N, C-alpha and C. Protein backbone atom coordinates (compact mmCIF):
# COMPACT_ATOMS: atom_id res chain seq x y z
N MET A 1 29.66 -48.71 30.36
CA MET A 1 30.07 -50.11 30.52
C MET A 1 29.26 -50.88 29.71
N THR A 2 30.11 -51.84 29.15
CA THR A 2 29.89 -52.69 27.76
C THR A 2 29.71 -54.25 28.72
N ALA A 3 28.57 -54.81 28.44
CA ALA A 3 28.67 -56.32 28.90
C ALA A 3 28.04 -57.24 27.88
N GLU A 4 28.78 -58.32 27.76
CA GLU A 4 28.16 -59.06 26.66
C GLU A 4 26.92 -59.90 27.27
N VAL A 5 25.71 -59.56 26.31
CA VAL A 5 24.41 -60.05 26.76
C VAL A 5 24.01 -61.21 26.29
N ILE A 6 23.46 -62.30 26.85
CA ILE A 6 23.17 -63.46 26.65
C ILE A 6 21.54 -63.69 26.66
N GLU A 7 21.14 -63.90 25.55
CA GLU A 7 19.67 -64.11 25.46
C GLU A 7 19.32 -65.61 25.80
N LEU A 8 18.20 -65.73 26.84
CA LEU A 8 18.20 -67.17 27.31
C LEU A 8 16.75 -67.50 26.95
N GLY A 9 16.15 -66.96 26.13
CA GLY A 9 14.99 -67.32 25.70
C GLY A 9 13.90 -67.01 26.54
N LYS A 10 12.43 -67.68 26.28
CA LYS A 10 11.27 -67.40 27.27
C LYS A 10 11.09 -68.56 27.74
N ALA A 11 9.95 -68.74 28.71
CA ALA A 11 9.51 -70.00 29.04
C ALA A 11 8.03 -69.54 29.69
N SER A 12 7.13 -70.42 29.70
CA SER A 12 6.02 -70.27 30.24
C SER A 12 5.90 -71.00 31.67
N GLN A 13 5.49 -69.78 32.71
CA GLN A 13 5.69 -70.34 34.30
C GLN A 13 3.95 -71.36 34.27
N PRO A 14 4.35 -71.77 35.52
CA PRO A 14 3.13 -72.58 35.78
C PRO A 14 1.74 -71.59 36.05
N SER A 15 1.97 -70.28 36.34
CA SER A 15 0.88 -69.60 36.39
C SER A 15 0.26 -69.13 35.08
N GLY A 16 1.35 -69.40 33.96
CA GLY A 16 0.53 -68.80 32.24
C GLY A 16 1.34 -67.90 32.03
N LYS A 17 2.16 -67.03 33.11
CA LYS A 17 3.05 -65.88 32.76
C LYS A 17 3.87 -66.20 31.86
N VAL A 18 4.50 -65.65 30.63
CA VAL A 18 5.60 -66.02 30.07
C VAL A 18 6.81 -64.76 30.36
N VAL A 19 7.71 -65.62 30.73
CA VAL A 19 8.94 -64.71 31.07
C VAL A 19 10.10 -64.89 30.23
N HIS A 20 10.81 -63.60 29.72
CA HIS A 20 11.90 -63.57 28.76
C HIS A 20 12.97 -63.25 29.60
N VAL A 21 14.07 -63.97 29.44
CA VAL A 21 15.42 -63.75 30.19
C VAL A 21 16.84 -63.17 29.44
N TRP A 22 17.59 -62.68 30.04
CA TRP A 22 18.89 -62.49 29.19
C TRP A 22 19.80 -62.31 30.74
N ALA A 23 20.91 -62.60 30.32
CA ALA A 23 21.94 -62.85 31.17
C ALA A 23 23.26 -61.95 30.66
N ALA A 24 23.80 -61.21 31.27
CA ALA A 24 24.70 -60.49 31.04
C ALA A 24 26.11 -60.40 32.06
N SER A 25 27.22 -60.17 31.50
CA SER A 25 28.43 -60.48 31.97
C SER A 25 29.41 -59.08 32.62
N ASP A 26 29.46 -58.70 33.87
CA ASP A 26 30.30 -57.91 33.73
C ASP A 26 30.72 -57.37 35.09
N ASP A 27 31.27 -56.71 35.36
CA ASP A 27 31.73 -56.51 37.11
C ASP A 27 31.16 -55.26 37.56
N TRP A 28 29.86 -55.56 37.89
CA TRP A 28 28.88 -54.66 38.26
C TRP A 28 28.89 -54.27 39.80
N ASP A 29 28.95 -53.26 40.37
CA ASP A 29 28.63 -52.90 41.89
C ASP A 29 27.24 -53.21 42.01
N LEU A 30 26.83 -54.17 42.79
CA LEU A 30 25.42 -54.37 43.07
C LEU A 30 24.70 -53.61 43.79
N ALA A 31 25.38 -52.71 44.68
CA ALA A 31 24.90 -51.63 45.20
C ALA A 31 24.04 -50.27 44.35
N ASP A 32 24.90 -50.50 43.23
CA ASP A 32 24.02 -49.51 41.98
C ASP A 32 22.99 -49.90 41.38
N PHE A 33 22.20 -50.96 41.58
CA PHE A 33 21.28 -51.25 40.97
C PHE A 33 19.75 -50.55 41.47
N ARG A 34 19.24 -50.19 40.74
CA ARG A 34 17.92 -49.43 40.82
C ARG A 34 16.47 -50.43 40.39
N SER A 35 15.54 -50.62 41.04
CA SER A 35 14.31 -51.21 40.35
C SER A 35 13.43 -50.16 39.71
N ASN A 36 12.64 -50.47 38.72
CA ASN A 36 11.40 -49.68 38.29
C ASN A 36 10.43 -50.48 39.23
N THR A 37 9.15 -49.84 39.00
CA THR A 37 7.98 -49.89 39.94
C THR A 37 7.01 -50.13 38.81
N PHE A 38 6.05 -50.59 39.62
CA PHE A 38 4.69 -51.12 38.59
C PHE A 38 3.36 -50.90 39.55
N GLU A 39 2.63 -50.65 39.13
CA GLU A 39 1.17 -50.19 39.82
C GLU A 39 0.18 -51.30 39.67
N MET A 40 -0.66 -51.31 40.93
CA MET A 40 -1.67 -52.24 40.78
C MET A 40 -2.71 -51.80 41.88
N GLU A 41 -3.64 -52.51 41.64
CA GLU A 41 -4.79 -52.11 42.62
C GLU A 41 -4.60 -53.10 43.83
N TRP A 42 -4.50 -52.23 44.89
CA TRP A 42 -4.28 -52.95 45.93
C TRP A 42 -4.73 -52.02 47.41
N PRO A 43 -5.57 -53.15 48.24
CA PRO A 43 -5.97 -54.52 48.26
C PRO A 43 -6.89 -54.59 47.11
N PRO A 44 -7.13 -55.96 46.88
CA PRO A 44 -8.09 -55.95 45.37
C PRO A 44 -9.31 -55.52 45.70
N ARG A 45 -9.88 -55.19 44.50
CA ARG A 45 -11.25 -54.22 44.63
C ARG A 45 -11.57 -53.35 45.48
N SER A 46 -10.16 -52.58 46.13
CA SER A 46 -10.44 -51.52 46.87
C SER A 46 -10.61 -50.17 46.32
N GLY A 47 -10.03 -50.22 44.84
CA GLY A 47 -10.14 -48.78 43.88
C GLY A 47 -8.88 -48.00 44.40
N ARG A 48 -7.93 -48.57 45.23
CA ARG A 48 -6.87 -47.79 45.56
C ARG A 48 -5.50 -48.33 44.85
N GLN A 49 -4.75 -47.49 44.01
CA GLN A 49 -3.83 -47.96 43.29
C GLN A 49 -2.29 -47.52 44.24
N GLN A 50 -1.34 -48.99 44.11
CA GLN A 50 -0.33 -48.62 44.90
C GLN A 50 0.90 -49.23 44.18
N ARG A 51 2.13 -48.57 44.29
CA ARG A 51 3.34 -48.69 43.51
C ARG A 51 4.33 -49.88 44.24
N PHE A 52 4.93 -50.82 43.56
CA PHE A 52 5.58 -51.88 44.21
C PHE A 52 6.80 -51.96 43.13
N PRO A 53 7.99 -52.15 43.75
CA PRO A 53 9.10 -52.52 42.86
C PRO A 53 8.97 -53.78 41.96
N GLU A 54 9.53 -53.87 40.90
CA GLU A 54 9.68 -54.77 40.06
C GLU A 54 10.89 -56.16 40.98
N ILE A 55 11.99 -55.47 41.17
CA ILE A 55 12.77 -56.47 41.88
C ILE A 55 12.90 -55.85 43.36
N ASP A 56 12.90 -56.60 44.19
CA ASP A 56 13.46 -56.48 45.66
C ASP A 56 14.60 -56.10 45.88
N ARG A 57 15.53 -57.23 45.61
CA ARG A 57 17.08 -57.01 45.62
C ARG A 57 17.54 -57.91 44.66
N VAL A 58 18.85 -57.23 44.51
CA VAL A 58 19.93 -57.89 43.75
C VAL A 58 21.21 -58.60 44.39
N GLU A 59 21.33 -59.82 44.13
CA GLU A 59 22.43 -60.45 44.88
C GLU A 59 23.32 -61.25 44.00
N ARG A 60 24.32 -62.08 44.36
CA ARG A 60 24.99 -63.20 43.98
C ARG A 60 24.88 -64.32 44.56
N PHE A 61 25.11 -65.03 43.76
CA PHE A 61 24.59 -66.83 44.13
C PHE A 61 25.71 -67.57 43.31
N GLU A 62 25.90 -68.95 43.95
CA GLU A 62 26.51 -69.76 42.88
C GLU A 62 25.34 -70.34 42.33
N ILE A 63 25.56 -71.04 41.37
CA ILE A 63 24.45 -71.70 40.62
C ILE A 63 23.41 -72.62 41.46
N ALA A 64 24.15 -73.29 42.04
CA ALA A 64 23.35 -74.10 42.93
C ALA A 64 22.45 -73.53 43.81
N GLU A 65 23.21 -72.39 44.60
CA GLU A 65 22.25 -71.76 45.50
C GLU A 65 20.98 -70.95 44.83
N ALA A 66 21.60 -70.28 43.51
CA ALA A 66 20.36 -69.65 42.86
C ALA A 66 19.14 -70.83 42.52
N ARG A 67 19.76 -71.97 42.14
CA ARG A 67 18.90 -73.04 41.81
C ARG A 67 17.73 -72.94 43.02
N SER A 68 17.93 -73.02 44.22
CA SER A 68 17.20 -72.98 45.44
C SER A 68 16.59 -72.39 45.53
N LYS A 69 16.56 -71.03 45.02
CA LYS A 69 16.11 -69.44 45.28
C LYS A 69 15.19 -69.02 44.59
N ILE A 70 15.13 -69.43 43.24
CA ILE A 70 14.32 -68.73 42.16
C ILE A 70 13.26 -69.90 42.00
N LEU A 71 12.28 -69.27 41.38
CA LEU A 71 10.86 -70.00 41.34
C LEU A 71 11.51 -71.05 40.21
N LYS A 72 10.54 -72.30 40.81
CA LYS A 72 10.77 -73.81 40.07
C LYS A 72 10.79 -73.43 38.55
N GLY A 73 9.55 -72.77 37.81
CA GLY A 73 9.32 -72.52 36.85
C GLY A 73 10.62 -71.70 36.14
N GLN A 74 11.33 -71.19 36.66
CA GLN A 74 12.52 -70.45 36.10
C GLN A 74 13.99 -71.20 36.05
N THR A 75 13.95 -72.28 36.67
CA THR A 75 15.47 -72.97 36.58
C THR A 75 16.07 -73.16 35.49
N ILE A 76 15.00 -73.41 34.50
CA ILE A 76 15.27 -73.77 33.18
C ILE A 76 16.28 -72.87 32.83
N PHE A 77 16.21 -71.31 32.85
CA PHE A 77 17.23 -70.22 32.62
C PHE A 77 18.78 -70.73 33.14
N LEU A 78 18.63 -71.24 34.28
CA LEU A 78 20.26 -71.69 34.47
C LEU A 78 20.46 -72.72 33.82
N ASP A 79 19.97 -73.77 33.34
CA ASP A 79 20.18 -74.53 32.63
C ASP A 79 20.83 -74.03 31.33
N ARG A 80 19.87 -73.18 30.55
CA ARG A 80 20.46 -72.88 29.42
C ARG A 80 21.56 -71.75 29.47
N LEU A 81 21.76 -70.86 30.66
CA LEU A 81 22.93 -70.38 30.88
C LEU A 81 23.99 -70.89 30.95
N LEU A 82 24.19 -72.31 31.63
CA LEU A 82 25.15 -73.19 31.69
C LEU A 82 25.54 -73.78 30.54
N GLU A 83 24.40 -74.10 29.75
CA GLU A 83 24.64 -74.64 28.50
C GLU A 83 25.45 -73.50 27.52
N ARG A 84 24.75 -72.24 27.56
CA ARG A 84 25.78 -71.22 26.65
C ARG A 84 27.10 -71.17 27.13
N LEU A 85 27.19 -71.14 28.21
CA LEU A 85 28.55 -71.06 28.73
C LEU A 85 29.37 -72.20 28.57
N GLY A 86 28.92 -73.09 28.12
CA GLY A 86 29.87 -74.67 27.78
C GLY A 86 29.83 -75.15 29.04
N GLY A 87 28.87 -75.24 29.92
CA GLY A 87 29.12 -76.15 31.17
C GLY A 87 29.94 -75.68 32.34
N VAL A 88 30.01 -74.31 32.69
CA VAL A 88 31.00 -73.48 33.30
C VAL A 88 30.71 -74.08 34.68
N ASP A 89 31.80 -74.13 35.39
CA ASP A 89 31.82 -74.62 36.99
C ASP A 89 30.67 -73.95 37.30
N GLY A 90 29.66 -74.97 38.17
CA GLY A 90 28.57 -74.33 39.00
C GLY A 90 29.08 -73.31 40.28
N SER A 91 30.20 -73.41 40.50
CA SER A 91 30.75 -72.92 41.64
C SER A 91 30.98 -71.14 41.24
N LYS A 92 30.67 -70.75 40.16
CA LYS A 92 30.93 -69.39 39.59
C LYS A 92 29.88 -68.63 40.27
N ARG A 93 30.35 -67.68 41.06
CA ARG A 93 29.33 -66.73 41.26
C ARG A 93 28.61 -65.70 40.41
N MET A 94 27.51 -65.70 40.19
CA MET A 94 26.86 -64.78 39.39
C MET A 94 25.87 -63.92 39.96
N ALA A 95 25.45 -62.67 39.48
CA ALA A 95 24.65 -61.81 39.95
C ALA A 95 23.23 -61.99 39.42
N CYS A 96 22.26 -62.06 40.31
CA CYS A 96 20.93 -62.53 39.75
C CYS A 96 20.21 -61.70 40.26
N ARG A 97 19.17 -61.06 39.54
CA ARG A 97 18.19 -60.20 39.77
C ARG A 97 16.81 -60.69 39.66
N PHE A 98 16.48 -61.04 41.01
CA PHE A 98 15.01 -61.18 41.02
C PHE A 98 13.77 -60.92 41.81
N ARG A 99 12.81 -61.16 41.70
CA ARG A 99 11.53 -60.53 42.39
C ARG A 99 11.14 -61.58 43.63
N CYS A 100 11.31 -61.46 44.71
CA CYS A 100 11.02 -62.21 45.74
C CYS A 100 9.68 -62.61 45.83
N PRO A 101 8.91 -63.31 46.14
CA PRO A 101 7.69 -63.55 46.41
C PRO A 101 7.24 -62.87 47.50
N ARG A 102 6.42 -62.13 47.68
CA ARG A 102 5.64 -61.22 48.78
C ARG A 102 4.07 -61.72 48.83
N SER A 103 3.67 -61.26 49.81
CA SER A 103 1.98 -61.28 50.23
C SER A 103 1.68 -59.82 50.01
N TYR A 104 1.29 -59.23 48.80
CA TYR A 104 0.88 -57.86 48.79
C TYR A 104 -0.48 -57.85 49.21
């Protein structure tokens, strides 16, 4: 599978974390996506390491709906994507990979 990859740059989040984002266009079956995991001490200061998924789920959203679902500090990537695509109609549905906030 060959997809056009569009680099959307990086942005600092309110937490200080720097996020790097790319977009890719192709006709993927979202059921085929799998997440990698990361390990962290949980509960804090317990000495126990637990594994968590980087991405909870993959879904398709219209731009307006995606804007309401992603973190406020990451909406800049939607703006950059629309700019790179020449202001494509916001009703176009795109696959968005994101990590849903959880209380780990």
